[in-house]
């Protein structure tokens, strides 16, 4: 089956083996009764059926204000800027310079870009 693995370890001295086994079984039972999947949510019922009794929704409605959409500032996407550059016939590659930040030699950055810009992931 895919996704299965075997976890192996050694318990010494052998007298601790039974106590370790009980601890692992207790942790497994606790997880199985209330698993943690990394997402927490809370459910709030706002009316509807509650058993056999119908409950009314709250009488106070919250007013919402319509807001103008915020204008997103233009972002500089370093990946796109470098990708579109591509190898151009007859053009000279950018100079190789030492990066104090990384401690290695790198291709000189385009004007307006920083090392941290190259690591940012922009999802829009």
N, C-alpha and C. Protein backbone atom coordinates (compact mmCIF):
# COMPACT_ATOMS: atom_id res chain seq x y z
N UNK A 1 0.83 -1.20 0.00
CA UNK A 1 0.00 0.00 0.00
C UNK A 1 0.86 1.25 0.00
N UNK A 2 0.41 2.26 -0.63
CA UNK A 2 1.14 3.51 -0.67
C UNK A 2 0.92 4.30 0.62
N UNK A 3 1.95 4.97 1.08
CA UNK A 3 1.82 5.82 2.25
C UNK A 3 2.08 5.13 3.57
N UNK A 4 2.35 3.84 3.56
CA UNK A 4 2.62 3.14 4.80
C UNK A 4 4.12 3.15 5.07
N UNK A 5 4.47 3.14 6.33
CA UNK A 5 5.86 3.05 6.69
C UNK A 5 5.98 2.30 8.01
N UNK A 6 7.16 1.82 8.27
CA UNK A 6 7.42 1.10 9.51
C UNK A 6 8.39 1.94 10.33
N UNK A 7 8.02 2.20 11.56
CA UNK A 7 8.88 2.96 12.45
C UNK A 7 9.53 1.98 13.41
N UNK A 8 10.83 1.96 13.44
CA UNK A 8 11.53 1.04 14.33
C UNK A 8 12.43 1.79 15.28
N UNK A 9 12.53 1.31 16.49
CA UNK A 9 13.45 1.88 17.47
C UNK A 9 13.77 0.82 18.50
N UNK A 10 14.75 1.11 19.32
CA UNK A 10 15.21 0.15 20.31
C UNK A 10 15.06 0.76 21.70
N UNK A 11 14.57 -0.03 22.66
CA UNK A 11 14.40 0.43 24.03
C UNK A 11 15.36 -0.36 24.92
N UNK A 12 16.23 0.38 25.59
CA UNK A 12 17.16 -0.25 26.53
C UNK A 12 17.10 0.54 27.82
N UNK A 13 17.13 -0.01 28.94
CA UNK A 13 17.15 -1.44 29.24
C UNK A 13 15.78 -2.05 29.00
N UNK A 14 15.73 -3.35 28.94
CA UNK A 14 14.51 -4.08 28.59
C UNK A 14 13.39 -3.84 29.59
N UNK A 15 13.71 -3.44 30.81
CA UNK A 15 12.68 -3.18 31.83
C UNK A 15 11.79 -1.99 31.43
N UNK A 16 12.31 -1.07 30.63
CA UNK A 16 11.54 0.10 30.21
C UNK A 16 10.60 -0.22 29.05
N UNK A 17 10.74 -1.38 28.46
CA UNK A 17 9.96 -1.74 27.28
C UNK A 17 8.46 -1.74 27.55
N UNK A 18 8.02 -2.34 28.65
CA UNK A 18 6.59 -2.41 28.96
C UNK A 18 6.01 -1.02 29.21
N UNK A 19 6.72 -0.18 29.95
CA UNK A 19 6.26 1.18 30.23
C UNK A 19 6.18 2.00 28.93
N UNK A 20 7.17 1.85 28.06
CA UNK A 20 7.17 2.56 26.79
C UNK A 20 6.01 2.10 25.91
N UNK A 21 5.73 0.82 25.91
CA UNK A 21 4.62 0.27 25.13
C UNK A 21 3.29 0.84 25.61
N UNK A 22 3.09 0.91 26.93
CA UNK A 22 1.85 1.46 27.49
C UNK A 22 1.71 2.94 27.13
N UNK A 23 2.81 3.68 27.17
CA UNK A 23 2.77 5.10 26.82
C UNK A 23 2.38 5.29 25.36
N UNK A 24 2.96 4.51 24.47
CA UNK A 24 2.64 4.61 23.04
C UNK A 24 1.18 4.25 22.79
N UNK A 25 0.69 3.21 23.45
CA UNK A 25 -0.71 2.81 23.29
C UNK A 25 -1.65 3.89 23.81
N UNK A 26 -1.30 4.53 24.93
CA UNK A 26 -2.14 5.61 25.47
C UNK A 26 -2.18 6.79 24.51
N UNK A 27 -1.03 7.14 23.93
CA UNK A 27 -1.00 8.24 22.96
C UNK A 27 -1.80 7.90 21.71
N UNK A 28 -1.71 6.66 21.24
CA UNK A 28 -2.48 6.24 20.07
C UNK A 28 -3.98 6.31 20.35
N UNK A 29 -4.41 5.83 21.52
CA UNK A 29 -5.83 5.88 21.87
C UNK A 29 -6.32 7.32 21.98
N UNK A 30 -5.51 8.21 22.54
CA UNK A 30 -5.89 9.62 22.65
C UNK A 30 -6.05 10.24 21.27
N UNK A 31 -5.14 9.93 20.36
CA UNK A 31 -5.22 10.48 19.01
C UNK A 31 -6.43 9.93 18.26
N UNK A 32 -6.69 8.62 18.41
CA UNK A 32 -7.81 8.02 17.70
C UNK A 32 -9.15 8.54 18.21
N UNK A 33 -9.25 8.90 19.48
CA UNK A 33 -10.51 9.42 20.00
C UNK A 33 -10.73 10.87 19.59
N UNK A 34 -9.67 11.62 19.40
CA UNK A 34 -9.78 13.03 19.01
C UNK A 34 -8.60 13.38 18.11
N UNK A 35 -8.66 13.00 16.82
CA UNK A 35 -7.52 13.25 15.93
C UNK A 35 -7.32 14.74 15.65
N UNK A 36 -6.08 15.11 15.42
CA UNK A 36 -5.72 16.47 15.07
C UNK A 36 -5.26 16.44 13.62
N UNK A 37 -5.98 17.13 12.75
CA UNK A 37 -5.65 17.14 11.34
C UNK A 37 -4.96 18.43 10.91
N UNK A 38 -4.64 19.31 11.84
CA UNK A 38 -3.95 20.54 11.52
C UNK A 38 -4.88 21.70 11.21
N UNK A 39 -6.18 21.48 11.22
CA UNK A 39 -7.15 22.53 10.95
C UNK A 39 -8.14 22.57 12.10
N UNK A 40 -8.37 23.76 12.64
CA UNK A 40 -9.33 23.89 13.71
C UNK A 40 -10.47 24.79 13.23
N UNK A 41 -11.66 24.45 13.61
CA UNK A 41 -12.80 25.27 13.25
C UNK A 41 -13.83 25.19 14.37
N UNK A 42 -14.73 26.15 14.37
CA UNK A 42 -15.84 26.10 15.33
C UNK A 42 -17.12 26.29 14.54
N UNK A 43 -18.11 25.52 14.87
CA UNK A 43 -19.38 25.56 14.15
C UNK A 43 -20.38 26.31 14.99
N UNK A 44 -21.04 27.27 14.37
CA UNK A 44 -22.06 28.05 15.06
C UNK A 44 -23.36 27.90 14.28
N UNK A 45 -24.37 27.39 14.94
CA UNK A 45 -25.68 27.25 14.31
C UNK A 45 -26.43 28.57 14.45
N UNK A 46 -27.03 29.04 13.35
CA UNK A 46 -27.76 30.30 13.36
C UNK A 46 -29.23 30.05 13.09
N UNK A 47 -29.81 29.15 13.74
CA UNK A 47 -31.22 28.87 13.50
C UNK A 47 -31.36 27.58 12.71
N UNK A 48 -32.57 27.13 12.60
CA UNK A 48 -32.82 25.88 11.91
C UNK A 48 -33.40 24.87 12.86
N UNK A 49 -33.27 23.62 12.54
CA UNK A 49 -33.82 22.57 13.38
C UNK A 49 -32.86 22.22 14.50
N UNK A 50 -33.35 22.18 15.70
CA UNK A 50 -32.57 21.74 16.86
C UNK A 50 -33.38 20.65 17.52
N UNK A 51 -33.11 19.41 17.16
CA UNK A 51 -33.93 18.31 17.65
C UNK A 51 -35.27 18.38 16.95
N UNK A 52 -36.36 18.42 17.72
CA UNK A 52 -37.70 18.53 17.15
C UNK A 52 -38.23 19.96 17.23
N UNK A 53 -37.45 20.87 17.78
CA UNK A 53 -37.91 22.25 18.00
C UNK A 53 -37.22 23.16 16.99
N UNK A 54 -38.02 23.99 16.31
CA UNK A 54 -37.46 24.95 15.36
C UNK A 54 -37.04 26.19 16.12
N UNK A 55 -35.83 26.62 15.90
CA UNK A 55 -35.36 27.84 16.56
C UNK A 55 -35.31 28.96 15.55
N UNK A 56 -35.66 30.15 15.98
CA UNK A 56 -35.68 31.31 15.10
C UNK A 56 -34.26 31.85 14.93
N UNK A 57 -33.95 32.35 13.76
CA UNK A 57 -32.65 32.99 13.58
C UNK A 57 -32.61 34.29 14.38
N UNK A 58 -31.46 34.81 14.67
CA UNK A 58 -31.37 36.05 15.43
C UNK A 58 -32.12 37.17 14.73
N UNK A 59 -32.77 38.03 15.52
CA UNK A 59 -33.59 39.09 14.94
C UNK A 59 -32.76 40.30 14.54
N UNK A 60 -31.60 40.45 15.09
CA UNK A 60 -30.76 41.61 14.76
C UNK A 60 -29.84 41.22 13.61
N UNK A 61 -29.98 41.95 12.51
CA UNK A 61 -29.13 41.70 11.36
C UNK A 61 -28.00 42.72 11.36
N UNK A 62 -26.85 42.28 11.06
CA UNK A 62 -25.73 43.20 11.00
C UNK A 62 -25.70 43.83 9.62
N UNK A 63 -25.53 45.15 9.62
CA UNK A 63 -25.44 45.84 8.34
C UNK A 63 -24.00 45.79 7.86
N UNK A 64 -23.87 45.60 6.58
CA UNK A 64 -22.53 45.59 6.01
C UNK A 64 -22.37 46.80 5.12
N UNK A 65 -21.22 47.41 5.23
CA UNK A 65 -20.94 48.56 4.39
C UNK A 65 -20.24 48.08 3.13
N UNK A 66 -20.63 48.68 2.03
CA UNK A 66 -19.94 48.34 0.80
C UNK A 66 -18.69 49.18 0.73
N UNK A 67 -17.60 48.51 0.55
CA UNK A 67 -16.32 49.21 0.48
C UNK A 67 -15.81 49.15 -0.95
N UNK A 68 -15.11 50.20 -1.32
CA UNK A 68 -14.51 50.21 -2.64
C UNK A 68 -13.39 49.18 -2.66
N UNK A 69 -13.26 48.46 -3.74
CA UNK A 69 -12.17 47.48 -3.79
C UNK A 69 -10.82 48.17 -3.65
N UNK A 70 -9.98 47.58 -2.84
CA UNK A 70 -8.66 48.14 -2.66
C UNK A 70 -7.82 47.88 -3.90
N UNK A 71 -7.12 48.91 -4.31
CA UNK A 71 -6.25 48.73 -5.46
C UNK A 71 -4.98 48.05 -5.00
N UNK A 72 -4.67 46.96 -5.63
CA UNK A 72 -3.45 46.25 -5.27
C UNK A 72 -2.26 46.97 -5.90
N UNK A 73 -1.22 47.17 -5.12
CA UNK A 73 -0.04 47.79 -5.71
C UNK A 73 0.59 46.81 -6.71
N UNK A 74 1.18 47.38 -7.73
CA UNK A 74 1.84 46.52 -8.70
C UNK A 74 3.03 45.86 -8.03
N UNK A 75 3.11 44.56 -8.15
CA UNK A 75 4.23 43.86 -7.54
C UNK A 75 5.25 43.52 -8.61
N UNK A 76 6.44 43.44 -8.17
CA UNK A 76 7.51 43.08 -9.07
C UNK A 76 7.75 41.59 -8.90
N UNK A 77 7.51 40.83 -9.93
CA UNK A 77 7.69 39.40 -9.87
C UNK A 77 9.08 39.07 -10.43
N UNK A 78 10.00 38.78 -9.52
CA UNK A 78 11.38 38.54 -9.92
C UNK A 78 11.50 37.35 -10.86
N UNK A 79 10.74 36.30 -10.60
CA UNK A 79 10.80 35.11 -11.45
C UNK A 79 10.42 35.47 -12.88
N UNK A 80 9.33 36.21 -13.04
CA UNK A 80 8.88 36.58 -14.38
C UNK A 80 9.91 37.49 -15.06
N UNK A 81 10.49 38.40 -14.29
CA UNK A 81 11.47 39.31 -14.87
C UNK A 81 12.70 38.56 -15.37
N UNK A 82 13.16 37.59 -14.59
CA UNK A 82 14.33 36.82 -15.00
C UNK A 82 13.97 35.80 -16.08
N UNK A 83 12.79 35.22 -16.00
CA UNK A 83 12.38 34.22 -16.97
C UNK A 83 12.23 34.86 -18.35
N UNK A 84 11.65 36.05 -18.40
CA UNK A 84 11.42 36.71 -19.69
C UNK A 84 12.74 37.17 -20.30
N UNK A 85 13.75 37.35 -19.46
CA UNK A 85 15.05 37.79 -19.95
C UNK A 85 15.64 36.73 -20.87
N UNK A 86 15.68 35.51 -20.42
CA UNK A 86 16.12 34.37 -21.22
C UNK A 86 17.46 34.58 -21.90
N UNK A 87 17.96 33.54 -22.49
CA UNK A 87 19.22 33.70 -23.23
C UNK A 87 18.95 34.41 -24.56
N UNK A 88 19.63 35.49 -24.77
CA UNK A 88 19.44 36.26 -26.00
C UNK A 88 20.72 36.13 -26.82
N UNK A 89 20.58 35.78 -28.07
CA UNK A 89 21.75 35.62 -28.94
C UNK A 89 22.48 36.94 -29.08
N UNK A 90 23.78 36.89 -28.89
CA UNK A 90 24.59 38.09 -29.08
C UNK A 90 24.69 38.97 -27.86
N UNK A 91 23.87 38.74 -26.82
CA UNK A 91 23.96 39.58 -25.63
C UNK A 91 24.93 38.95 -24.64
N UNK A 92 25.56 39.79 -23.87
CA UNK A 92 26.50 39.29 -22.88
C UNK A 92 25.77 38.98 -21.58
N UNK A 93 26.13 37.87 -20.93
CA UNK A 93 25.49 37.54 -19.65
C UNK A 93 25.90 38.56 -18.59
N UNK A 94 25.07 38.65 -17.56
CA UNK A 94 25.38 39.58 -16.47
C UNK A 94 26.64 39.12 -15.75
N UNK A 95 27.32 40.05 -15.16
CA UNK A 95 28.59 39.76 -14.48
C UNK A 95 28.36 38.88 -13.25
N UNK A 96 29.37 38.11 -12.90
CA UNK A 96 29.33 37.29 -11.70
C UNK A 96 29.92 38.11 -10.56
N UNK A 97 29.17 38.22 -9.46
CA UNK A 97 29.61 39.01 -8.31
C UNK A 97 29.48 38.18 -7.04
N UNK A 98 30.21 38.58 -6.01
CA UNK A 98 30.14 37.89 -4.73
C UNK A 98 28.98 38.46 -3.93
N UNK A 99 28.11 37.59 -3.42
CA UNK A 99 26.97 38.00 -2.60
C UNK A 99 27.34 37.88 -1.13
N UNK A 100 27.41 39.01 -0.43
CA UNK A 100 27.70 39.00 1.01
C UNK A 100 26.59 38.26 1.75
N UNK A 101 25.35 38.45 1.30
CA UNK A 101 24.19 37.85 1.97
C UNK A 101 24.21 36.32 1.91
N UNK A 102 24.59 35.77 0.76
CA UNK A 102 24.59 34.32 0.59
C UNK A 102 25.96 33.69 0.84
N UNK A 103 27.00 34.48 0.66
CA UNK A 103 28.34 33.95 0.84
C UNK A 103 28.85 33.16 -0.34
N UNK A 104 28.26 33.37 -1.51
CA UNK A 104 28.69 32.67 -2.73
C UNK A 104 28.68 33.65 -3.90
N UNK A 105 29.27 33.23 -5.00
CA UNK A 105 29.25 34.04 -6.22
C UNK A 105 27.93 33.81 -6.95
N UNK A 106 27.30 34.89 -7.38
CA UNK A 106 26.02 34.80 -8.10
C UNK A 106 26.06 35.71 -9.31
N UNK A 107 25.10 35.51 -10.20
CA UNK A 107 24.94 36.42 -11.32
C UNK A 107 24.43 37.74 -10.77
N UNK A 108 24.95 38.84 -11.26
CA UNK A 108 24.55 40.15 -10.76
C UNK A 108 23.04 40.32 -10.92
N UNK A 109 22.40 40.83 -9.87
CA UNK A 109 20.95 41.00 -9.90
C UNK A 109 20.57 42.15 -10.81
N UNK A 110 19.37 42.05 -11.35
CA UNK A 110 18.85 43.15 -12.15
C UNK A 110 18.60 44.34 -11.24
N UNK A 111 18.66 45.55 -11.77
CA UNK A 111 18.40 46.73 -10.94
C UNK A 111 17.00 46.67 -10.33
N UNK A 112 16.91 46.98 -9.05
CA UNK A 112 15.62 47.01 -8.36
C UNK A 112 15.26 45.70 -7.68
N UNK A 113 16.07 44.67 -7.81
CA UNK A 113 15.79 43.38 -7.18
C UNK A 113 16.76 43.12 -6.04
N UNK A 114 16.27 42.36 -5.05
CA UNK A 114 17.11 41.92 -3.94
C UNK A 114 17.08 40.40 -3.90
N UNK A 115 17.97 39.83 -3.11
CA UNK A 115 17.99 38.36 -2.96
C UNK A 115 16.66 37.88 -2.40
N UNK A 116 16.10 38.61 -1.42
CA UNK A 116 14.83 38.18 -0.83
C UNK A 116 13.69 38.22 -1.85
N UNK A 117 13.77 39.13 -2.83
CA UNK A 117 12.74 39.17 -3.88
C UNK A 117 12.72 37.87 -4.67
N UNK A 118 13.88 37.26 -4.84
CA UNK A 118 13.96 36.03 -5.63
C UNK A 118 13.31 34.86 -4.91
N UNK A 119 13.19 34.95 -3.58
CA UNK A 119 12.63 33.85 -2.80
C UNK A 119 11.15 34.03 -2.51
N UNK A 120 10.58 35.18 -2.79
CA UNK A 120 9.17 35.42 -2.51
C UNK A 120 8.30 34.68 -3.51
N UNK A 121 7.21 34.12 -2.99
CA UNK A 121 6.24 33.45 -3.85
C UNK A 121 4.98 34.30 -3.85
N UNK A 122 4.58 34.76 -5.01
CA UNK A 122 3.40 35.60 -5.12
C UNK A 122 2.26 34.80 -5.73
N UNK A 123 1.20 34.62 -4.95
CA UNK A 123 0.02 33.89 -5.44
C UNK A 123 -1.13 34.87 -5.58
N UNK A 124 -1.55 35.09 -6.77
CA UNK A 124 -2.70 35.97 -7.02
C UNK A 124 -3.68 35.28 -7.92
